[in-house]
């Protein structure tokens, strides 16, 4: 009888392990019906952006590139955060919350062999989903605007001038996806995280910035708060005409330039994502310890 030969486990490098973890996260996200329903809604609404643009035409049937960029970004000046965020909030908070609620976290950690690897994969897939969705939304919105302007015989804007605002919008949405994921890991509640992400930009940050302005030495601190910087990133106030600029500046609520706002908002995102990693690696999933031979990261 030929003796059985023991198989030596294949050694998987960190890069390959991370790739497999990302593939695992994407398959899990793509298997959810809600993912495709939300993306379908985003697609339809993006295609209707051209109708919104027609409401801003002046008497000469002209439109400024700044207005077009504002429409493509889902009118961030009107709601303080892009409307796309309300749809991405569901997708962004899901990867961590679902694992915790369903008790699948232990399975995830064993599958990818590490909490930090699992969190990194969730961040990578979430960021890619946010960036990809925003890019498609911006493209569809621009096409819809161009078609609508052609139908009514209006002059096309300088589309090249909308590329930079659109790029900042795409980056903003990638950061938003990371913020959603990190807050769920920190607060350990999808509902609380969702309420915070909606109410803080709309009300909380404005109130906080106003109150801190009365503290000696903190005058102007409101310009540097996370979503004040985020609004400055999305909306280049200097691109507006003299009559519109004061109103746009008041709605943005920050005197930072678009590039400075982008840098500050991205730094806040990196810091919160790092805090989320720390919290995620210490989450008690309520599951038994892994089998002998494995160790929790």
Protein backbone atom coordinates (compact mmCIF):
# COMPACT_ATOMS: atom_id res chain seq x y z
CA UNK A 1 0.00 0.00 0.00
CA UNK A 2 1.32 3.43 -0.97
CA UNK A 3 1.41 5.71 2.05
CA UNK A 4 -0.63 8.89 1.83
CA UNK A 5 1.40 12.00 1.29
CA UNK A 6 0.46 14.92 3.48
CA UNK A 7 -0.39 18.05 1.57
CA UNK A 8 1.57 21.12 2.51
CA UNK A 9 -0.69 24.18 2.84
CA UNK A 10 0.05 26.77 0.19
CA UNK A 11 1.47 30.01 1.51
CA UNK A 12 -0.61 32.98 0.46
CA UNK A 13 1.15 36.33 0.40
CA UNK A 14 -0.38 39.51 1.84
CA UNK A 15 -1.18 40.94 -1.60
CA UNK A 16 -2.98 37.79 -2.74
CA UNK A 17 -4.80 37.53 0.59
CA UNK A 18 -6.00 41.11 0.23
CA UNK A 19 -7.13 40.48 -3.35
CA UNK A 20 -9.13 37.45 -2.26
CA UNK A 21 -10.65 39.43 0.61
CA UNK A 22 -11.75 42.17 -1.81
CA UNK A 23 -13.24 39.55 -4.10
CA UNK A 24 -15.09 38.05 -1.14
CA UNK A 25 -16.50 41.46 -0.13
CA UNK A 26 -17.56 42.30 -3.67
CA UNK A 27 -19.37 38.99 -4.13
CA UNK A 28 -21.18 39.53 -0.86
CA UNK A 29 -22.23 43.06 -1.86
CA UNK A 30 -23.22 42.07 -5.40
CA UNK A 31 -25.40 39.23 -4.11
CA UNK A 32 -27.72 41.69 -2.36
CA UNK A 33 -30.78 42.76 -4.33
CA UNK A 34 -30.82 46.12 -2.55
CA UNK A 35 -27.43 46.98 -4.09
CA UNK A 36 -28.78 46.80 -7.62
CA UNK A 37 -32.07 48.50 -6.72
CA UNK A 38 -30.22 51.49 -5.29
CA UNK A 39 -27.84 51.67 -8.24
CA UNK A 40 -30.83 51.54 -10.58
CA UNK A 41 -32.48 54.45 -8.77
CA UNK A 42 -29.24 56.44 -8.97
CA UNK A 43 -29.02 55.76 -12.71
CA UNK A 44 -32.56 56.97 -13.36
CA UNK A 45 -32.18 60.11 -11.27
CA UNK A 46 -28.84 60.92 -12.90
CA UNK A 47 -30.45 60.72 -16.32
CA UNK A 48 -33.06 63.25 -15.18
CA UNK A 49 -30.50 65.88 -14.16
CA UNK A 50 -30.95 67.69 -17.47
CA UNK A 51 -34.47 68.70 -16.49
CA UNK A 52 -33.12 70.32 -13.33
CA UNK A 53 -30.59 72.25 -15.37
CA UNK A 54 -33.28 73.85 -17.54
CA UNK A 55 -34.71 75.56 -14.47
CA UNK A 56 -31.47 77.56 -14.11
CA UNK A 57 -31.35 78.94 -17.67
CA UNK A 58 -31.24 82.73 -17.86
CA UNK A 59 -33.13 84.87 -20.37
CA UNK A 60 -30.35 84.46 -22.92
CA UNK A 61 -30.59 80.69 -22.66
CA UNK A 62 -27.08 80.41 -21.27
CA UNK A 63 -25.73 78.52 -18.30
CA UNK A 64 -22.48 78.83 -16.40
CA UNK A 65 -20.07 75.90 -15.92
CA UNK A 66 -20.37 76.39 -12.15
CA UNK A 67 -24.13 75.80 -12.33
CA UNK A 68 -23.65 72.71 -14.47
CA UNK A 69 -21.10 71.35 -11.99
CA UNK A 70 -23.56 72.03 -9.18
CA UNK A 71 -26.29 70.05 -10.95
CA UNK A 72 -23.95 67.16 -11.74
CA UNK A 73 -23.02 66.97 -8.06
CA UNK A 74 -26.71 66.68 -7.17
CA UNK A 75 -27.08 70.27 -5.96
CA UNK A 76 -24.84 70.11 -2.87
CA UNK A 77 -25.54 73.78 -2.12
CA UNK A 78 -29.23 73.02 -1.54
CA UNK A 79 -28.95 70.09 0.85
CA UNK A 80 -25.48 70.66 2.37
CA UNK A 81 -24.44 67.18 1.25
CA UNK A 82 -24.91 65.66 -2.23
CA UNK A 83 -28.22 63.86 -2.63
CA UNK A 84 -26.32 60.83 -3.91
CA UNK A 85 -25.04 60.38 -0.36
CA UNK A 86 -28.48 59.38 0.87
CA UNK A 87 -28.42 56.39 -1.49
CA UNK A 88 -24.77 55.55 -0.87
CA UNK A 89 -25.41 55.66 2.87
CA UNK A 90 -27.20 52.32 2.64
CA UNK A 91 -24.38 50.70 0.67
CA UNK A 92 -21.63 52.31 2.74
CA UNK A 93 -22.91 51.23 6.15
CA UNK A 94 -23.81 47.70 5.06
CA UNK A 95 -20.49 45.78 4.95
CA UNK A 96 -19.69 46.18 8.67
CA UNK A 97 -23.26 46.35 10.00
CA UNK A 98 -24.38 43.20 8.19
CA UNK A 99 -21.52 41.18 9.60
CA UNK A 100 -22.28 42.33 13.13
CA UNK A 101 -26.05 41.88 12.99
CA UNK A 102 -26.11 38.57 11.14
CA UNK A 103 -23.28 37.07 13.17
CA UNK A 104 -21.27 36.48 10.01
CA UNK A 105 -18.27 38.46 11.25
CA UNK A 106 -16.52 35.36 12.54
CA UNK A 107 -16.97 33.67 9.16
CA UNK A 108 -15.56 36.73 7.41
CA UNK A 109 -12.50 36.84 9.64
CA UNK A 110 -11.82 33.14 9.16
CA UNK A 111 -12.35 33.35 5.41
CA UNK A 112 -9.87 36.17 4.89
CA UNK A 113 -7.72 35.16 7.89
CA UNK A 114 -7.61 38.51 9.65
CA UNK A 115 -9.72 41.37 10.92
CA UNK A 116 -7.42 44.03 9.53
CA UNK A 117 -7.48 42.34 6.12
CA UNK A 118 -11.28 42.17 6.24
CA UNK A 119 -11.56 45.85 7.18
CA UNK A 120 -9.08 46.88 4.49
CA UNK A 121 -11.03 44.94 1.88
CA UNK A 122 -14.29 46.53 2.99
CA UNK A 123 -12.69 49.96 2.68
CA UNK A 124 -11.24 49.21 -0.75
CA UNK A 125 -14.52 47.82 -2.11
CA UNK A 126 -16.57 50.60 -0.51
CA UNK A 127 -14.28 53.32 -1.84
CA UNK A 128 -14.36 51.79 -5.31
CA UNK A 129 -18.14 51.51 -5.18
CA UNK A 130 -18.48 55.15 -4.12
CA UNK A 131 -16.06 56.43 -6.76
CA UNK A 132 -17.52 54.25 -9.50
CA UNK A 133 -21.12 55.18 -8.73
CA UNK A 134 -20.29 58.89 -8.58
CA UNK A 135 -18.33 58.73 -11.84
CA UNK A 136 -21.20 57.04 -13.68
CA UNK A 137 -23.68 59.45 -12.10
CA UNK A 138 -21.59 62.46 -13.16
CA UNK A 139 -21.23 61.13 -16.70
CA UNK A 140 -24.93 60.40 -17.07
CA UNK A 141 -25.78 63.77 -15.54
CA UNK A 142 -23.50 65.58 -17.97
CA UNK A 143 -24.95 63.73 -20.96
CA UNK A 144 -28.47 64.48 -19.76
CA UNK A 145 -27.64 68.17 -19.36
CA UNK A 146 -26.07 68.33 -22.82
CA UNK A 147 -29.09 66.71 -24.43
CA UNK A 148 -31.55 68.95 -22.58
CA UNK A 149 -29.67 72.11 -23.60
CA UNK A 150 -29.61 70.94 -27.22
CA UNK A 151 -33.35 70.26 -27.22
CA UNK A 152 -34.23 73.80 -26.06
CA UNK A 153 -31.60 75.37 -28.30
CA UNK A 154 -29.51 76.71 -25.42
CA UNK A 155 -25.79 77.33 -25.64
CA UNK A 156 -23.58 74.55 -24.33
CA UNK A 157 -21.31 75.57 -21.44
CA UNK A 158 -17.55 75.14 -21.39
CA UNK A 159 -17.59 71.46 -20.49
CA UNK A 160 -13.85 71.38 -19.88
CA UNK A 161 -14.40 73.67 -16.90
CA UNK A 162 -16.68 71.09 -15.27
CA UNK A 163 -14.03 68.35 -15.21
CA UNK A 164 -12.31 69.54 -12.03
CA UNK A 165 -15.57 69.92 -10.02
CA UNK A 166 -16.73 66.53 -11.28
CA UNK A 167 -13.43 64.94 -10.22
CA UNK A 168 -13.74 66.47 -6.75
CA UNK A 169 -17.31 65.16 -6.53
CA UNK A 170 -16.14 61.66 -7.43
CA UNK A 171 -13.39 61.81 -4.78
CA UNK A 172 -15.87 63.19 -2.25
CA UNK A 173 -18.15 60.20 -2.72
CA UNK A 174 -15.26 57.79 -2.26
CA UNK A 175 -14.45 59.48 1.05
CA UNK A 176 -18.13 59.36 2.02
CA UNK A 177 -18.18 55.58 1.59
CA UNK A 178 -15.20 55.28 3.93
CA UNK A 179 -16.81 57.58 6.49
CA UNK A 180 -19.98 55.46 6.49
CA UNK A 181 -18.02 52.28 7.04
CA UNK A 182 -15.75 53.72 9.73
CA UNK A 183 -18.60 55.25 11.73
CA UNK A 184 -20.46 51.95 11.88
CA UNK A 185 -17.31 50.30 13.23
CA UNK A 186 -16.90 53.06 15.83
CA UNK A 187 -20.53 53.45 16.91
CA UNK A 188 -21.49 49.78 16.35
CA UNK A 189 -24.93 50.82 15.15
CA UNK A 190 -26.12 51.29 11.59
CA UNK A 191 -29.08 53.40 12.68
CA UNK A 192 -27.09 55.76 14.89
CA UNK A 193 -24.39 56.10 12.25
CA UNK A 194 -26.97 56.92 9.58
CA UNK A 195 -28.66 59.55 11.74
CA UNK A 196 -25.32 61.11 12.62
CA UNK A 197 -24.19 61.28 8.98
CA UNK A 198 -27.44 62.98 7.99
CA UNK A 199 -27.93 65.35 10.92
CA UNK A 200 -24.34 66.37 11.58
CA UNK A 201 -23.70 67.99 8.16
CA UNK A 202 -27.18 69.53 8.02
CA UNK A 203 -27.47 70.93 11.55
CA UNK A 204 -24.86 69.74 14.04
CA UNK A 205 -21.80 71.14 12.35
CA UNK A 206 -23.37 74.53 11.72
CA UNK A 207 -24.41 74.83 15.37
CA UNK A 208 -21.07 73.56 16.63
CA UNK A 209 -19.11 75.93 14.41
CA UNK A 210 -21.25 78.87 15.53
CA UNK A 211 -20.81 78.07 19.22
CA UNK A 212 -17.06 77.50 18.92
CA UNK A 213 -16.76 80.87 17.21
CA UNK A 214 -17.52 82.52 20.56
CA UNK A 215 -14.57 80.79 22.23
CA UNK A 216 -11.45 83.01 22.30
CA UNK A 217 -8.83 81.73 19.88
CA UNK A 218 -11.27 79.55 17.94
CA UNK A 219 -12.66 82.23 15.68
CA UNK A 220 -13.00 80.78 12.19
CA UNK A 221 -12.77 77.18 13.37
CA UNK A 222 -16.00 76.48 11.52
CA UNK A 223 -14.09 76.73 8.24
CA UNK A 224 -12.08 73.66 9.19
CA UNK A 225 -14.83 71.34 10.37
CA UNK A 226 -15.17 68.13 8.31
CA UNK A 227 -18.23 68.84 6.20
CA UNK A 228 -17.58 72.56 5.95
CA UNK A 229 -14.32 71.59 4.29
CA UNK A 230 -16.24 68.98 2.28
CA UNK A 231 -18.67 71.61 0.98
CA UNK A 232 -15.74 73.82 0.05
CA UNK A 233 -14.26 70.84 -1.80
CA UNK A 234 -17.46 70.36 -3.79
CA UNK A 235 -18.20 73.99 -4.57
CA UNK A 236 -15.59 76.40 -5.88
CA UNK A 237 -17.12 79.69 -4.75
CA UNK A 238 -14.63 81.67 -6.83
CA UNK A 239 -16.24 80.25 -9.99
CA UNK A 240 -19.50 82.09 -9.30
CA UNK A 241 -20.28 85.58 -10.52
CA UNK A 242 -20.15 88.57 -8.20
CA UNK A 243 -23.88 88.58 -7.54
CA UNK A 244 -24.11 84.86 -6.79
CA UNK A 245 -20.88 84.55 -4.82
CA UNK A 246 -22.07 85.87 -1.41
CA UNK A 247 -25.08 83.54 -1.43
CA UNK A 248 -22.93 80.54 -2.45
CA UNK A 249 -20.36 81.43 0.21
CA UNK A 250 -23.03 81.56 2.90
CA UNK A 251 -24.38 78.15 1.94
CA UNK A 252 -20.95 76.56 1.79
CA UNK A 253 -20.09 77.89 5.24
CA UNK A 254 -16.32 77.75 4.75
CA UNK A 255 -13.81 80.19 3.33
CA UNK A 256 -11.39 77.43 2.32
CA UNK A 257 -10.53 77.11 -1.35
CA UNK A 258 -11.67 74.01 -3.22
CA UNK A 259 -8.18 72.46 -3.12
CA UNK A 260 -7.69 73.23 0.58
CA UNK A 261 -11.15 71.88 1.38
CA UNK A 262 -10.32 68.68 -0.50
CA UNK A 263 -7.09 68.21 1.47
CA UNK A 264 -8.79 68.80 4.83
CA UNK A 265 -11.75 66.56 4.04
CA UNK A 266 -9.46 63.75 2.89
CA UNK A 267 -7.36 64.05 6.05
CA UNK A 268 -10.49 63.77 8.19
CA UNK A 269 -11.48 60.69 6.19
CA UNK A 270 -8.09 59.02 6.67
CA UNK A 271 -8.15 59.74 10.42
CA UNK A 272 -11.67 58.38 10.86
CA UNK A 273 -10.91 55.32 8.73
CA UNK A 274 -7.89 54.60 10.95
CA UNK A 275 -10.06 54.96 14.05
CA UNK A 276 -12.56 52.60 12.46
CA UNK A 277 -9.82 50.03 11.92
CA UNK A 278 -8.85 50.26 15.59
CA UNK A 279 -12.48 49.78 16.64
CA UNK A 280 -13.17 46.99 14.13
CA UNK A 281 -10.21 44.96 15.33
CA UNK A 282 -11.63 45.09 18.86
CA UNK A 283 -15.25 44.27 18.07
CA UNK A 284 -16.65 41.33 20.02
CA UNK A 285 -18.82 39.52 17.50
CA UNK A 286 -20.36 37.34 20.17
CA UNK A 287 -19.06 34.21 18.48
CA UNK A 288 -16.84 31.47 19.94
CA UNK A 289 -13.11 31.67 19.54
CA UNK A 290 -11.65 30.33 16.31
CA UNK A 291 -10.58 26.65 16.18
CA UNK A 292 -7.24 25.61 17.59
CA UNK A 293 -4.37 26.69 15.43
CA UNK A 294 -5.91 30.06 14.57
CA UNK A 295 -5.43 33.25 16.48
CA UNK A 296 -7.46 36.38 16.38
CA UNK A 297 -5.53 39.23 14.73
